[in-house]
Every structure is written in structure tokens, then in C-alpha cells.
Protein backbone atom coordinates (compact mmCIF):
# COMPACT_ATOMS: atom_id res chain seq x y z
CA MET A 1 31.88 -37.39 -7.62
CA SER A 2 34.14 -40.37 -6.87
CA PHE A 3 35.75 -39.64 -3.35
CA VAL A 4 38.17 -42.17 -2.25
CA PRO A 5 39.77 -42.41 1.21
CA VAL A 6 43.67 -41.20 1.14
CA ALA A 7 44.74 -40.38 4.83
CA GLU A 8 43.92 -40.01 8.63
CA LEU A 9 43.35 -36.37 9.29
CA ALA A 10 46.00 -36.82 12.25
CA GLU A 11 48.72 -37.39 9.44
CA LEU A 12 48.33 -33.81 8.67
CA ASP A 13 49.20 -32.68 12.14
CA GLU A 14 53.00 -32.45 11.08
CA GLY A 15 52.08 -30.47 8.10
CA PRO A 16 51.63 -31.15 4.45
CA LEU A 17 51.35 -34.63 3.03
CA GLY A 18 51.96 -36.17 -0.27
CA VAL A 19 50.07 -39.10 -1.18
CA GLU A 20 49.37 -41.10 -4.41
CA VAL A 21 45.92 -41.61 -5.44
CA ASP A 22 44.35 -44.22 -7.71
CA HIS A 23 43.26 -42.45 -10.82
CA SER A 24 40.85 -44.99 -12.91
CA THR A 25 42.88 -45.31 -16.05
CA GLU A 26 45.77 -43.25 -15.45
CA GLY A 27 47.53 -44.81 -12.45
CA PRO A 28 48.42 -43.31 -9.27
CA LEU A 29 48.40 -39.37 -9.26
CA PRO A 30 50.61 -37.42 -6.89
CA VAL A 31 48.38 -35.33 -4.55
CA VAL A 32 49.78 -33.00 -1.80
CA LEU A 33 47.26 -32.57 1.18
CA VAL A 34 47.17 -29.27 3.34
CA ARG A 35 45.41 -28.36 6.69
CA LEU A 36 45.31 -24.70 6.88
CA PRO A 37 45.43 -23.08 10.45
CA ASP A 38 41.78 -22.90 10.50
CA GLY A 39 41.45 -26.54 9.96
CA GLU A 40 40.40 -26.86 6.14
CA VAL A 41 41.80 -29.09 4.27
CA HIS A 42 43.02 -28.70 0.51
CA ALA A 43 44.20 -31.03 -2.04
CA LEU A 44 46.40 -30.14 -5.13
CA LEU A 45 48.40 -32.06 -7.36
CA ASP A 46 51.97 -32.47 -5.97
CA GLU A 47 53.83 -31.32 -9.00
CA CYS A 48 54.82 -27.99 -9.87
CA SER A 49 53.41 -26.69 -13.48
CA HIS A 50 56.88 -25.54 -14.62
CA GLY A 51 59.39 -28.08 -13.72
CA ALA A 52 57.32 -31.17 -12.90
CA VAL A 53 59.04 -31.29 -9.11
CA MET A 54 57.03 -32.45 -6.20
CA LEU A 55 55.54 -29.55 -4.12
CA SER A 56 55.38 -31.42 -1.11
CA GLU A 57 58.96 -31.32 -1.04
CA GLY A 58 58.84 -27.55 -1.06
CA ASP A 59 58.34 -24.96 1.42
CA PHE A 60 54.76 -23.91 2.76
CA ASP A 61 53.31 -20.83 4.18
CA LEU A 62 50.03 -21.87 5.75
CA GLU A 63 49.42 -18.31 7.10
CA GLU A 64 49.45 -16.51 3.31
CA HIS A 65 48.01 -20.01 1.98
CA ASN A 66 50.80 -21.00 -0.53
CA ILE A 67 53.26 -23.43 -1.64
CA GLU A 68 56.55 -23.06 -3.01
CA CYS A 69 58.55 -25.30 -5.53
CA TYR A 70 61.97 -26.03 -3.92
CA LEU A 71 63.62 -26.19 -7.77
CA HIS A 72 62.71 -22.69 -9.27
CA GLY A 73 60.83 -21.05 -6.50
CA SER A 74 57.34 -20.77 -8.13
CA ARG A 75 54.67 -20.31 -5.78
CA PHE A 76 51.07 -21.63 -5.85
CA ASP A 77 47.76 -20.49 -4.03
CA ILE A 78 46.99 -23.69 -1.68
CA CYS A 79 43.18 -23.07 -2.25
CA THR A 80 42.96 -22.45 -6.14
CA GLY A 81 46.02 -23.51 -7.53
CA ALA A 82 46.89 -20.57 -9.42
CA ALA A 83 50.45 -19.51 -10.23
CA LEU A 84 51.49 -16.83 -7.78
CA THR A 85 55.16 -16.24 -9.02
CA PRO A 86 57.20 -17.06 -12.00
CA PRO A 87 58.67 -19.10 -13.54
CA ALA A 88 55.50 -21.17 -13.46
CA THR A 89 52.58 -19.24 -15.14
CA ALA A 90 50.16 -22.27 -15.36
CA PRO A 91 47.96 -23.37 -12.36
CA ILE A 92 47.75 -26.75 -10.86
CA PRO A 93 44.58 -28.87 -10.63
CA VAL A 94 43.16 -28.29 -6.78
CA TYR A 95 40.63 -31.41 -6.17
CA PRO A 96 37.52 -31.69 -3.88
CA VAL A 97 38.07 -32.73 -0.18
CA ARG A 98 35.74 -34.24 2.13
CA VAL A 99 36.59 -34.87 5.94
CA GLU A 100 34.39 -37.84 7.68
CA ASP A 101 34.92 -39.62 10.79
CA ASP A 102 38.71 -37.90 10.85
CA GLN A 103 39.32 -39.66 7.35
CA VAL A 104 40.33 -37.56 4.29
CA PHE A 105 38.53 -38.31 1.04
CA VAL A 106 39.79 -36.54 -2.15
CA ASP A 107 38.00 -36.85 -5.75
CA VAL A 108 40.79 -36.65 -8.29
CA GLU A 109 38.58 -37.30 -11.08
CA ASN A 110 36.62 -33.65 -10.81
CA PRO A 111 39.22 -31.14 -10.23
CA THR A 112 37.84 -27.50 -9.33
CA LYS A 113 37.63 -24.75 -11.83
CA GLU A 114 38.78 -21.77 -9.57
CA ASN A 115 41.97 -21.52 -10.91
């Protein structure tokens, strides 16, 4: 796995954070980082699978672990990337996260297969 540093943990104190992660040959990849109330950090593609809109600009329900696309209202599970409500039906990629010394690392080259 190829983990790269993307943010300081303190940057997630104010809520979810959209970042761009260098992705080998494809250039920057938009990723949204979310820290749940239990402290667990998740990373997802920052783009709705239905409308190609940045999810980091939508609403989050951290208690229910979902994120909403502001354009058409599709909701996605923060932990698995699964599409929970239409019009989106396709999941979004979820990426492995590691936190070391208050630094958040993400591996965008190896999305998880849970969704």
C-alpha cells in the first residue's frame, strides 16, 4: 500500500475536509476526510456517483454515518461508500486511512472492496 500524508488530524475538528491527493498517473484525486464521533477517520472519493458533485460541500450526518449530495439528495454510507438513497445507485470508493502522530495518511491506490 502507498499511504501519503493528506492532512493534520486537527483539521478535521471543524468537520469533514475535502482534499486533493496525488494519484500516480491520473493526477490529483478529490477525497473527503471524515472523523466520526468515536474518533475513527474515513476517506471517500469526494464525488457523487450520480451527479459528479463534490460531497464535501453537502450535508453530513455523523451519527448515522452518511453524507448527502447537495445537488439531488443522494446519501452515501461514510464507512462503506454504499449508495443509500436514489437517484444514486452506484457506490463511491472508500480508501484505507492511517493516523500517525496526528497526521492523516490515505492510500488512494487501493480502495477497499466493502461497498
